[in-house]
Amino acid sequence: MLLFELDSPPETVKLTALANKLKSDIDNGTGKTDWTTEEFLEYLQLNGINLDPSDLFTMIKTPPLSNVITNIQDGKIIFKGQAEPDNTTEPPPAPEDDKKVVQQMAQRAMK
């Protein structure tokens, strides 16, 4: 099914309902939280909606899907209310680094 074929209200309603169901399951803690694009498209296909990834990317930019899906990042579907993955965080410092910092601070305080 192509993007223009989803202009009919029944298909749009069905697509939005399926996305809302997944979001609701995630919000309730009863559903899978990390949907990949491929898994989401397969889920839609099993429920009678065939989209390709480019159509999905286009559709999440406008209502009604923009009200349910925030973004697709690193191949993962980010639903509204979910935190987007933060790839800029640094790993926590090693315990040895903490000890060195404390020792340096103590030495400075003693001067």
PDB file of N, CA and C in Angstrom:
ATOM      1  N   MET A   1       0.840  -1.163   0.000  1.00  0.00           N
ATOM      2  CA  MET A   1       0.000   0.000   0.000  1.00  0.00           C
ATOM      3  C   MET A   1       0.895   1.239   0.000  1.00  0.00           C
ATOM      4  N   LEU A   2       0.573   2.154  -0.853  1.00  0.00           N
ATOM      5  CA  LEU A   2       1.356   3.375  -0.951  1.00  0.00           C
ATOM      6  C   LEU A   2       0.754   4.461  -0.077  1.00  0.00           C
ATOM      7  N   LEU A   3       1.529   5.501   0.139  1.00  0.00           N
ATOM      8  CA  LEU A   3       1.106   6.596   1.003  1.00  0.00           C
ATOM      9  C   LEU A   3      -0.232   7.174   0.567  1.00  0.00           C
ATOM     10  N   PHE A   4      -0.405   7.419  -0.713  1.00  0.00           N
ATOM     11  CA  PHE A   4      -1.653   8.030  -1.175  1.00  0.00           C
ATOM     12  C   PHE A   4      -2.849   7.109  -0.988  1.00  0.00           C
ATOM     13  N   GLU A   5      -2.603   5.805  -0.858  1.00  0.00           N
ATOM     14  CA  GLU A   5      -3.701   4.875  -0.635  1.00  0.00           C
ATOM     15  C   GLU A   5      -4.238   4.964   0.789  1.00  0.00           C
ATOM     16  N   LEU A   6      -3.464   5.544   1.698  1.00  0.00           N
ATOM     17  CA  LEU A   6      -3.917   5.681   3.075  1.00  0.00           C
ATOM     18  C   LEU A   6      -4.746   6.932   3.297  1.00  0.00           C
ATOM     19  N   ASP A   7      -5.031   7.667   2.230  1.00  0.00           N
ATOM     20  CA  ASP A   7      -5.844   8.868   2.360  1.00  0.00           C
ATOM     21  C   ASP A   7      -7.275   8.544   2.732  1.00  0.00           C
ATOM     22  N   SER A   8      -7.681   7.323   2.484  1.00  0.00           N
ATOM     23  CA  SER A   8      -9.055   6.956   2.842  1.00  0.00           C
ATOM     24  C   SER A   8      -9.172   6.894   4.365  1.00  0.00           C
ATOM     25  N   PRO A   9     -10.209   7.461   4.923  1.00  0.00           N
ATOM     26  CA  PRO A   9     -10.374   7.511   6.377  1.00  0.00           C
ATOM     27  C   PRO A   9     -10.271   6.166   7.097  1.00  0.00           C
ATOM     28  N   PRO A  10     -10.854   5.070   6.594  1.00  0.00           N
ATOM     29  CA  PRO A  10     -10.743   3.812   7.343  1.00  0.00           C
ATOM     30  C   PRO A  10      -9.295   3.361   7.560  1.00  0.00           C
ATOM     31  N   GLU A  11      -8.463   3.491   6.548  1.00  0.00           N
ATOM     32  CA  GLU A  11      -7.071   3.067   6.695  1.00  0.00           C
ATOM     33  C   GLU A  11      -6.300   3.980   7.649  1.00  0.00           C
ATOM     34  N   THR A  12      -6.554   5.272   7.560  1.00  0.00           N
ATOM     35  CA  THR A  12      -5.886   6.217   8.448  1.00  0.00           C
ATOM     36  C   THR A  12      -6.311   5.975   9.888  1.00  0.00           C
ATOM     37  N   VAL A  13      -7.592   5.748  10.083  1.00  0.00           N
ATOM     38  CA  VAL A  13      -8.109   5.474  11.421  1.00  0.00           C
ATOM     39  C   VAL A  13      -7.495   4.194  11.968  1.00  0.00           C
ATOM     40  N   LYS A  14      -7.409   3.171  11.143  1.00  0.00           N
ATOM     41  CA  LYS A  14      -6.842   1.890  11.574  1.00  0.00           C
ATOM     42  C   LYS A  14      -5.367   2.039  11.937  1.00  0.00           C
ATOM     43  N   LEU A  15      -4.618   2.752  11.101  1.00  0.00           N
ATOM     44  CA  LEU A  15      -3.200   2.974  11.363  1.00  0.00           C
ATOM     45  C   LEU A  15      -3.010   3.718  12.676  1.00  0.00           C
ATOM     46  N   THR A  16      -3.786   4.757  12.895  1.00  0.00           N
ATOM     47  CA  THR A  16      -3.683   5.538  14.122  1.00  0.00           C
ATOM     48  C   THR A  16      -4.089   4.707  15.334  1.00  0.00           C
ATOM     49  N   ALA A  17      -5.116   3.904  15.179  1.00  0.00           N
ATOM     50  CA  ALA A  17      -5.564   3.046  16.277  1.00  0.00           C
ATOM     51  C   ALA A  17      -4.489   2.038  16.670  1.00  0.00           C
ATOM     52  N   LEU A  18      -3.836   1.451  15.686  1.00  0.00           N
ATOM     53  CA  LEU A  18      -2.765   0.490  15.983  1.00  0.00           C
ATOM     54  C   LEU A  18      -1.599   1.159  16.699  1.00  0.00           C
ATOM     55  N   ALA A  19      -1.209   2.334  16.221  1.00  0.00           N
ATOM     56  CA  ALA A  19      -0.113   3.071  16.865  1.00  0.00           C
ATOM     57  C   ALA A  19      -0.507   3.489  18.279  1.00  0.00           C
ATOM     58  N   ASN A  20      -1.754   3.928  18.456  1.00  0.00           N
ATOM     59  CA  ASN A  20      -2.225   4.303  19.789  1.00  0.00           C
ATOM     60  C   ASN A  20      -2.253   3.112  20.737  1.00  0.00           C
ATOM     61  N   LYS A  21      -2.605   1.932  20.220  1.00  0.00           N
ATOM     62  CA  LYS A  21      -2.619   0.738  21.053  1.00  0.00           C
ATOM     63  C   LYS A  21      -1.219   0.419  21.554  1.00  0.00           C
ATOM     64  N   LEU A  22      -0.238   0.491  20.665  1.00  0.00           N
ATOM     65  CA  LEU A  22       1.140   0.226  21.082  1.00  0.00           C
ATOM     66  C   LEU A  22       1.590   1.243  22.124  1.00  0.00           C
ATOM     67  N   LYS A  23       1.278   2.517  21.891  1.00  0.00           N
ATOM     68  CA  LYS A  23       1.659   3.569  22.835  1.00  0.00           C
ATOM     69  C   LYS A  23       0.991   3.339  24.187  1.00  0.00           C
ATOM     70  N   SER A  24      -0.279   2.977  24.169  1.00  0.00           N
ATOM     71  CA  SER A  24      -1.009   2.713  25.404  1.00  0.00           C
ATOM     72  C   SER A  24      -0.400   1.536  26.167  1.00  0.00           C
ATOM     73  N   ASP A  25      -0.043   0.485  25.446  1.00  0.00           N
ATOM     74  CA  ASP A  25       0.595  -0.676  26.079  1.00  0.00           C
ATOM     75  C   ASP A  25       1.928  -0.283  26.713  1.00  0.00           C
ATOM     76  N   ILE A  26       2.684   0.564  26.035  1.00  0.00           N
ATOM     77  CA  ILE A  26       3.963   1.032  26.576  1.00  0.00           C
ATOM     78  C   ILE A  26       3.714   1.869  27.828  1.00  0.00           C
ATOM     79  N   ASP A  27       2.746   2.786  27.754  1.00  0.00           N
ATOM     80  CA  ASP A  27       2.433   3.647  28.898  1.00  0.00           C
ATOM     81  C   ASP A  27       1.970   2.838  30.108  1.00  0.00           C
ATOM     82  N   ASN A  28       1.239   1.744  29.866  1.00  0.00           N
ATOM     83  CA  ASN A  28       0.741   0.894  30.949  1.00  0.00           C
ATOM     84  C   ASN A  28       1.788  -0.084  31.469  1.00  0.00           C
ATOM     85  N   GLY A  29       2.901  -0.180  30.767  1.00  0.00           N
ATOM     86  CA  GLY A  29       3.939  -1.114  31.173  1.00  0.00           C
ATOM     87  C   GLY A  29       3.663  -2.545  30.751  1.00  0.00           C
ATOM     88  N   THR A  30       2.702  -2.730  29.859  1.00  0.00           N
ATOM     89  CA  THR A  30       2.349  -4.090  29.431  1.00  0.00           C
ATOM     90  C   THR A  30       2.864  -4.422  28.042  1.00  0.00           C
ATOM     91  N   GLY A  31       3.471  -3.458  27.375  1.00  0.00           N
ATOM     92  CA  GLY A  31       3.910  -3.689  26.002  1.00  0.00           C
ATOM     93  C   GLY A  31       5.405  -3.529  25.840  1.00  0.00           C
ATOM     94  N   LYS A  32       5.865  -3.965  24.728  1.00  0.00           N
ATOM     95  CA  LYS A  32       7.265  -3.841  24.363  1.00  0.00           C
ATOM     96  C   LYS A  32       7.612  -2.357  24.219  1.00  0.00           C
ATOM     97  N   THR A  33       8.739  -1.938  24.742  1.00  0.00           N
ATOM     98  CA  THR A  33       9.092  -0.520  24.732  1.00  0.00           C
ATOM     99  C   THR A  33      10.055  -0.120  23.626  1.00  0.00           C
ATOM    100  N   ASP A  34      10.723  -1.067  23.036  1.00  0.00           N
ATOM    101  CA  ASP A  34      11.734  -0.720  22.029  1.00  0.00           C
ATOM    102  C   ASP A  34      11.388  -1.337  20.672  1.00  0.00           C
ATOM    103  N   TRP A  35      10.520  -0.643  19.940  1.00  0.00           N
ATOM    104  CA  TRP A  35      10.089  -1.101  18.622  1.00  0.00           C
ATOM    105  C   TRP A  35      11.052  -0.576  17.570  1.00  0.00           C
ATOM    106  N   THR A  36      11.598  -1.488  16.768  1.00  0.00           N
ATOM    107  CA  THR A  36      12.396  -1.046  15.631  1.00  0.00           C
ATOM    108  C   THR A  36      11.444  -0.697  14.491  1.00  0.00           C
ATOM    109  N   THR A  37      11.960   0.016  13.523  1.00  0.00           N
ATOM    110  CA  THR A  37      11.143   0.388  12.369  1.00  0.00           C
ATOM    111  C   THR A  37      10.621  -0.860  11.670  1.00  0.00           C
ATOM    112  N   GLU A  38      11.483  -1.830  11.485  1.00  0.00           N
ATOM    113  CA  GLU A  38      11.080  -3.066  10.800  1.00  0.00           C
ATOM    114  C   GLU A  38      10.008  -3.814  11.582  1.00  0.00           C
ATOM    115  N   GLU A  39      10.148  -3.876  12.912  1.00  0.00           N
ATOM    116  CA  GLU A  39       9.143  -4.563  13.730  1.00  0.00           C
ATOM    117  C   GLU A  39       7.795  -3.838  13.661  1.00  0.00           C
ATOM    118  N   PHE A  40       7.846  -2.514  13.693  1.00  0.00           N
ATOM    119  CA  PHE A  40       6.615  -1.726  13.618  1.00  0.00           C
ATOM    120  C   PHE A  40       5.922  -1.934  12.278  1.00  0.00           C
ATOM    121  N   LEU A  41       6.694  -1.899  11.195  1.00  0.00           N
ATOM    122  CA  LEU A  41       6.116  -2.104   9.867  1.00  0.00           C
ATOM    123  C   LEU A  41       5.547  -3.516   9.724  1.00  0.00           C
ATOM    124  N   GLU A  42       6.218  -4.494  10.314  1.00  0.00           N
ATOM    125  CA  GLU A  42       5.724  -5.872  10.279  1.00  0.00           C
ATOM    126  C   GLU A  42       4.429  -5.991  11.086  1.00  0.00           C
ATOM    127  N   TYR A  43       4.378  -5.321  12.235  1.00  0.00           N
ATOM    128  CA  TYR A  43       3.158  -5.305  13.054  1.00  0.00           C
ATOM    129  C   TYR A  43       1.996  -4.704  12.263  1.00  0.00           C
ATOM    130  N   LEU A  44       2.256  -3.605  11.580  1.00  0.00           N
ATOM    131  CA  LEU A  44       1.211  -2.988  10.758  1.00  0.00           C
ATOM    132  C   LEU A  44       0.767  -3.929   9.651  1.00  0.00           C
ATOM    133  N   GLN A  45       1.733  -4.596   9.014  1.00  0.00           N
ATOM    134  CA  GLN A  45       1.416  -5.508   7.915  1.00  0.00           C
ATOM    135  C   GLN A  45       0.549  -6.671   8.407  1.00  0.00           C
ATOM    136  N   LEU A  46       0.867  -7.196   9.586  1.00  0.00           N
ATOM    137  CA  LEU A  46       0.062  -8.282  10.146  1.00  0.00           C
ATOM    138  C   LEU A  46      -1.371  -7.835  10.433  1.00  0.00           C
ATOM    139  N   ASN A  47      -1.555  -6.528  10.561  1.00  0.00           N
ATOM    140  CA  ASN A  47      -2.880  -5.982  10.838  1.00  0.00           C
ATOM    141  C   ASN A  47      -3.493  -5.311   9.613  1.00  0.00           C
ATOM    142  N   GLY A  48      -2.969  -5.629   8.430  1.00  0.00           N
ATOM    143  CA  GLY A  48      -3.598  -5.201   7.188  1.00  0.00           C
ATOM    144  C   GLY A  48      -3.152  -3.872   6.610  1.00  0.00           C
ATOM    145  N   ILE A  49      -2.059  -3.296   7.126  1.00  0.00           N
ATOM    146  CA  ILE A  49      -1.566  -2.025   6.586  1.00  0.00           C
ATOM    147  C   ILE A  49      -0.132  -2.232   6.110  1.00  0.00           C
ATOM    148  N   ASN A  50       0.073  -2.062   4.816  1.00  0.00           N
ATOM    149  CA  ASN A  50       1.406  -2.238   4.241  1.00  0.00           C
ATOM    150  C   ASN A  50       2.002  -0.876   3.919  1.00  0.00           C
ATOM    151  N   LEU A  51       3.095  -0.551   4.600  1.00  0.00           N
ATOM    152  CA  LEU A  51       3.829   0.695   4.364  1.00  0.00           C
ATOM    153  C   LEU A  51       5.285   0.362   4.122  1.00  0.00           C
ATOM    154  N   ASP A  52       5.972   1.222   3.415  1.00  0.00           N
ATOM    155  CA  ASP A  52       7.414   1.082   3.350  1.00  0.00           C
ATOM    156  C   ASP A  52       8.009   2.143   4.270  1.00  0.00           C
ATOM    157  N   PRO A  53       9.287   2.007   4.638  1.00  0.00           N
ATOM    158  CA  PRO A  53       9.899   2.937   5.597  1.00  0.00           C
ATOM    159  C   PRO A  53       9.804   4.402   5.181  1.00  0.00           C
ATOM    160  N   SER A  54       9.968   4.703   3.907  1.00  0.00           N
ATOM    161  CA  SER A  54       9.910   6.114   3.493  1.00  0.00           C
ATOM    162  C   SER A  54       8.519   6.700   3.706  1.00  0.00           C
ATOM    163  N   ASP A  55       7.468   5.901   3.469  1.00  0.00           N
ATOM    164  CA  ASP A  55       6.110   6.369   3.737  1.00  0.00           C
ATOM    165  C   ASP A  55       5.913   6.622   5.230  1.00  0.00           C
ATOM    166  N   LEU A  56       6.437   5.735   6.054  1.00  0.00           N
ATOM    167  CA  LEU A  56       6.312   5.893   7.497  1.00  0.00           C
ATOM    168  C   LEU A  56       7.004   7.176   7.956  1.00  0.00           C
ATOM    169  N   PHE A  57       8.222   7.421   7.460  1.00  0.00           N
ATOM    170  CA  PHE A  57       8.955   8.635   7.829  1.00  0.00           C
ATOM    171  C   PHE A  57       8.154   9.879   7.438  1.00  0.00           C
ATOM    172  N   THR A  58       7.514   9.843   6.293  1.00  0.00           N
ATOM    173  CA  THR A  58       6.707  10.971   5.841  1.00  0.00           C
ATOM    174  C   THR A  58       5.473  11.144   6.720  1.00  0.00           C
ATOM    175  N   MET A  59       4.829  10.042   7.052  1.00  0.00           N
ATOM    176  CA  MET A  59       3.572  10.106   7.785  1.00  0.00           C
ATOM    177  C   MET A  59       3.724  10.553   9.235  1.00  0.00           C
ATOM    178  N   ILE A  60       4.887  10.287   9.866  1.00  0.00           N
ATOM    179  CA  ILE A  60       5.031  10.682  11.273  1.00  0.00           C
ATOM    180  C   ILE A  60       5.231  12.183  11.431  1.00  0.00           C
ATOM    181  N   LYS A  61       5.397  12.880  10.320  1.00  0.00           N
ATOM    182  CA  LYS A  61       5.584  14.336  10.378  1.00  0.00           C
ATOM    183  C   LYS A  61       4.271  15.101  10.414  1.00  0.00           C
ATOM    184  N   THR A  62       3.160  14.420  10.109  1.00  0.00           N
ATOM    185  CA  THR A  62       1.860  15.084  10.061  1.00  0.00           C
ATOM    186  C   THR A  62       0.837  14.292  10.877  1.00  0.00           C
ATOM    187  N   PRO A  63      -0.203  14.991  11.362  1.00  0.00           N
ATOM    188  CA  PRO A  63      -1.263  14.280  12.078  1.00  0.00           C
ATOM    189  C   PRO A  63      -1.940  13.276  11.156  1.00  0.00           C
ATOM    190  N   PRO A  64      -2.442  12.222  11.643  1.00  0.00           N
ATOM    191  CA  PRO A  64      -2.614  11.865  13.035  1.00  0.00           C
ATOM    192  C   PRO A  64      -1.422  11.140  13.654  1.00  0.00           C
ATOM    193  N   LEU A  65      -0.498  10.613  12.851  1.00  0.00           N
ATOM    194  CA  LEU A  65       0.628   9.871  13.430  1.00  0.00           C
ATOM    195  C   LEU A  65       1.574  10.759  14.223  1.00  0.00           C
ATOM    196  N   SER A  66       1.689  12.028  13.872  1.00  0.00           N
ATOM    197  CA  SER A  66       2.582  12.907  14.621  1.00  0.00           C
ATOM    198  C   SER A  66       2.093  13.101  16.053  1.00  0.00           C
ATOM    199  N   ASN A  67       0.835  12.782  16.318  1.00  0.00           N
ATOM    200  CA  ASN A  67       0.297  12.870  17.667  1.00  0.00           C
ATOM    201  C   ASN A  67       0.629  11.641  18.508  1.00  0.00           C
ATOM    202  N   VAL A  68       1.142  10.598  17.864  1.00  0.00           N
ATOM    203  CA  VAL A  68       1.427   9.340  18.560  1.00  0.00           C
ATOM    204  C   VAL A  68       2.917   9.027  18.543  1.00  0.00           C
ATOM    205  N   ILE A  69       3.567   9.262  17.399  1.00  0.00           N
ATOM    206  CA  ILE A  69       4.984   8.939  17.237  1.00  0.00           C
ATOM    207  C   ILE A  69       5.781  10.236  17.161  1.00  0.00           C
ATOM    208  N   THR A  70       6.765  10.368  18.034  1.00  0.00           N
ATOM    209  CA  THR A  70       7.588  11.572  18.075  1.00  0.00           C
ATOM    210  C   THR A  70       8.641  11.566  16.982  1.00  0.00           C
ATOM    211  N   ASN A  71       9.322  10.428  16.833  1.00  0.00           N
ATOM    212  CA  ASN A  71      10.474  10.387  15.943  1.00  0.00           C
ATOM    213  C   ASN A  71      10.835   8.938  15.646  1.00  0.00           C
ATOM    214  N   ILE A  72      11.678   8.785  14.652  1.00  0.00           N
ATOM    215  CA  ILE A  72      12.332   7.501  14.401  1.00  0.00           C
ATOM    216  C   ILE A  72      13.814   7.799  14.454  1.00  0.00           C
ATOM    217  N   GLN A  73      14.481   7.233  15.444  1.00  0.00           N
ATOM    218  CA  GLN A  73      15.892   7.538  15.658  1.00  0.00           C
ATOM    219  C   GLN A  73      16.677   6.250  15.805  1.00  0.00           C
ATOM    220  N   ASP A  74      17.745   6.146  15.044  1.00  0.00           N
ATOM    221  CA  ASP A  74      18.592   4.945  15.052  1.00  0.00           C
ATOM    222  C   ASP A  74      17.786   3.675  14.802  1.00  0.00           C
ATOM    223  N   GLY A  75      16.782   3.783  13.911  1.00  0.00           N
ATOM    224  CA  GLY A  75      15.976   2.622  13.560  1.00  0.00           C
ATOM    225  C   GLY A  75      14.968   2.237  14.615  1.00  0.00           C
ATOM    226  N   LYS A  76      14.761   3.064  15.635  1.00  0.00           N
ATOM    227  CA  LYS A  76      13.804   2.791  16.709  1.00  0.00           C
ATOM    228  C   LYS A  76      12.659   3.793  16.653  1.00  0.00           C
ATOM    229  N   ILE A  77      11.461   3.310  16.910  1.00  0.00           N
ATOM    230  CA  ILE A  77      10.274   4.157  16.954  1.00  0.00           C
ATOM    231  C   ILE A  77      10.214   4.798  18.343  1.00  0.00           C
ATOM    232  N   ILE A  78      10.107   6.125  18.394  1.00  0.00           N
ATOM    233  CA  ILE A  78       9.978   6.846  19.650  1.00  0.00           C
ATOM    234  C   ILE A  78       8.538   7.348  19.746  1.00  0.00           C
ATOM    235  N   PHE A  79       7.771   6.767  20.664  1.00  0.00           N
ATOM    236  CA  PHE A  79       6.387   7.172  20.858  1.00  0.00           C
ATOM    237  C   PHE A  79       6.331   8.402  21.753  1.00  0.00           C
ATOM    238  N   LYS A  80       5.248   9.176  21.643  1.00  0.00           N
ATOM    239  CA  LYS A  80       5.062  10.355  22.493  1.00  0.00           C
ATOM    240  C   LYS A  80       5.152   9.924  23.953  1.00  0.00           C
ATOM    241  N   GLY A  81       5.873  10.705  24.734  1.00  0.00           N
ATOM    242  CA  GLY A  81       6.025  10.409  26.156  1.00  0.00           C
ATOM    243  C   GLY A  81       7.236   9.567  26.479  1.00  0.00           C
ATOM    244  N   GLN A  82       7.841   8.939  25.483  1.00  0.00           N
ATOM    245  CA  GLN A  82       9.058   8.181  25.709  1.00  0.00           C
ATOM    246  C   GLN A  82      10.243   9.121  25.598  1.00  0.00           C
ATOM    247  N   ALA A  83      11.257   8.880  26.397  1.00  0.00           N
ATOM    248  CA  ALA A  83      12.477   9.673  26.290  1.00  0.00           C
ATOM    249  C   ALA A  83      13.247   9.220  25.059  1.00  0.00           C
ATOM    250  N   GLU A  84      13.735  10.193  24.297  1.00  0.00           N
ATOM    251  CA  GLU A  84      14.555   9.845  23.143  1.00  0.00           C
ATOM    252  C   GLU A  84      15.924   9.404  23.633  1.00  0.00           C
ATOM    253  N   PRO A  85      16.515   8.423  22.964  1.00  0.00           N
ATOM    254  CA  PRO A  85      17.834   7.963  23.387  1.00  0.00           C
ATOM    255  C   PRO A  85      18.847   9.094  23.308  1.00  0.00           C
ATOM    256  N   ASP A  86      19.649   9.190  24.355  1.00  0.00           N
ATOM    257  CA  ASP A  86      20.670  10.237  24.414  1.00  0.00           C
ATOM    258  C   ASP A  86      22.016   9.602  24.110  1.00  0.00           C
ATOM    259  N   ASN A  87      22.517   9.832  22.925  1.00  0.00           N
ATOM    260  CA  ASN A  87      23.778   9.235  22.503  1.00  0.00           C
ATOM    261  C   ASN A  87      24.977  10.082  22.888  1.00  0.00           C
ATOM    262  N   THR A  88      24.751  11.202  23.558  1.00  0.00           N
ATOM    263  CA  THR A  88      25.846  12.101  23.885  1.00  0.00           C
ATOM    264  C   THR A  88      26.358  11.900  25.305  1.00  0.00           C
ATOM    265  N   THR A  89      25.754  11.017  26.073  1.00  0.00           N
ATOM    266  CA  THR A  89      26.201  10.828  27.442  1.00  0.00           C
ATOM    267  C   THR A  89      27.533  10.101  27.461  1.00  0.00           C
ATOM    268  N   GLU A  90      28.356  10.529  28.400  1.00  0.00           N
ATOM    269  CA  GLU A  90      29.657   9.886  28.560  1.00  0.00           C
ATOM    270  C   GLU A  90      29.525   8.780  29.591  1.00  0.00           C
ATOM    271  N   PRO A  91      30.366   7.763  29.487  1.00  0.00           N
ATOM    272  CA  PRO A  91      30.308   6.705  30.493  1.00  0.00           C
ATOM    273  C   PRO A  91      30.761   7.269  31.843  1.00  0.00           C
ATOM    274  N   PRO A  92      30.255   6.705  32.936  1.00  0.00           N
ATOM    275  CA  PRO A  92      30.667   7.208  34.251  1.00  0.00           C
ATOM    276  C   PRO A  92      32.162   6.995  34.466  1.00  0.00           C
ATOM    277  N   PRO A  93      32.783   7.880  35.226  1.00  0.00           N
ATOM    278  CA  PRO A  93      34.229   7.727  35.443  1.00  0.00           C
ATOM    279  C   PRO A  93      34.525   6.461  36.248  1.00  0.00           C
ATOM    280  N   ALA A  94      35.693   5.941  36.019  1.00  0.00           N
ATOM    281  CA  ALA A  94      36.121   4.744  36.729  1.00  0.00           C
ATOM    282  C   ALA A  94      36.373   5.099  38.195  1.00  0.00           C
ATOM    283  N   PRO A  95      36.209   4.136  39.115  1.00  0.00           N
ATOM    284  CA  PRO A  95      36.438   4.420  40.539  1.00  0.00           C
ATOM    285  C   PRO A  95      37.836   4.962  40.830  1.00  0.00           C
ATOM    286  N   GLU A  96      38.837   4.508  40.080  1.00  0.00           N
ATOM    287  CA  GLU A  96      40.200   4.991  40.293  1.00  0.00           C
ATOM    288  C   GLU A  96      40.285   6.492  40.011  1.00  0.00           C
ATOM    289  N   ASP A  97      39.549   6.936  38.982  1.00  0.00           N
ATOM    290  CA  ASP A  97      39.535   8.355  38.649  1.00  0.00           C
ATOM    291  C   ASP A  97      38.940   9.176  39.789  1.00  0.00           C
ATOM    292  N   ASP A  98      37.888   8.645  40.412  1.00  0.00           N
ATOM    293  CA  ASP A  98      37.261   9.336  41.542  1.00  0.00           C
ATOM    294  C   ASP A  98      38.251   9.496  42.695  1.00  0.00           C
ATOM    295  N   LYS A  99      38.985   8.434  42.966  1.00  0.00           N
ATOM    296  CA  LYS A  99      39.953   8.474  44.069  1.00  0.00           C
ATOM    297  C   LYS A  99      41.051   9.499  43.788  1.00  0.00           C
ATOM    298  N   LYS A 100      41.508   9.559  42.556  1.00  0.00           N
ATOM    299  CA  LYS A 100      42.542  10.524  42.192  1.00  0.00           C
ATOM    300  C   LYS A 100      42.040  11.948  42.369  1.00  0.00           C
ATOM    301  N   VAL A 101      40.828  12.191  41.965  1.00  0.00           N
ATOM    302  CA  VAL A 101      40.246  13.526  42.084  1.00  0.00           C
ATOM    303  C   VAL A 101      40.132  13.919  43.548  1.00  0.00           C
ATOM    304  N   VAL A 102      39.664  12.988  44.382  1.00  0.00           N
ATOM    305  CA  VAL A 102      39.525  13.273  45.816  1.00  0.00           C
ATOM    306  C   VAL A 102      40.893  13.541  46.438  1.00  0.00           C
ATOM    307  N   GLN A 103      41.892  12.766  46.062  1.00  0.00           N
ATOM    308  CA  GLN A 103      43.243  12.974  46.601  1.00  0.00           C
ATOM    309  C   GLN A 103      43.783  14.339  46.185  1.00  0.00           C
ATOM    310  N   GLN A 104      43.573  14.709  44.930  1.00  0.00           N
ATOM    311  CA  GLN A 104      44.040  16.006  44.462  1.00  0.00           C
ATOM    312  C   GLN A 104      43.327  17.133  45.211  1.00  0.00           C
ATOM    313  N   MET A 105      42.040  17.003  45.430  1.00  0.00           N
ATOM    314  CA  MET A 105      41.292  18.028  46.139  1.00  0.00           C
ATOM    315  C   MET A 105      41.775  18.150  47.587  1.00  0.00           C
ATOM    316  N   ALA A 106      42.068  16.997  48.226  1.00  0.00           N
ATOM    317  CA  ALA A 106      42.555  17.014  49.603  1.00  0.00           C
ATOM    318  C   ALA A 106      43.921  17.688  49.687  1.00  0.00           C
ATOM    319  N   GLN A 107      44.779  17.392  48.715  1.00  0.00           N
ATOM    320  CA  GLN A 107      46.113  18.007  48.713  1.00  0.00           C
ATOM    321  C   GLN A 107      46.005  19.527  48.515  1.00  0.00           C
ATOM    322  N   ARG A 108      45.117  19.958  47.657  1.00  0.00           N
ATOM    323  CA  ARG A 108      44.940  21.387  47.450  1.00  0.00           C
ATOM    324  C   ARG A 108      44.380  22.080  48.693  1.00  0.00           C
ATOM    325  N   ALA A 109      43.512  21.389  49.392  1.00  0.00           N
ATOM    326  CA  ALA A 109      42.901  21.962  50.576  1.00  0.00           C
ATOM    327  C   ALA A 109      43.923  22.102  51.708  1.00  0.00           C
ATOM    328  N   MET A 110      44.912  21.232  51.734  1.00  0.00           N
ATOM    329  CA  MET A 110      45.932  21.255  52.787  1.00  0.00           C
ATOM    330  C   MET A 110      46.966  22.349  52.551  1.00  0.00           C
ATOM    331  N   LYS A 111      47.053  22.904  51.369  1.00  0.00           N
ATOM    332  CA  LYS A 111      48.055  23.924  51.053  1.00  0.00           C
ATOM    333  C   LYS A 111      47.671  25.267  51.588  1.00  0.00           C
TER     334      LYS A 111
END
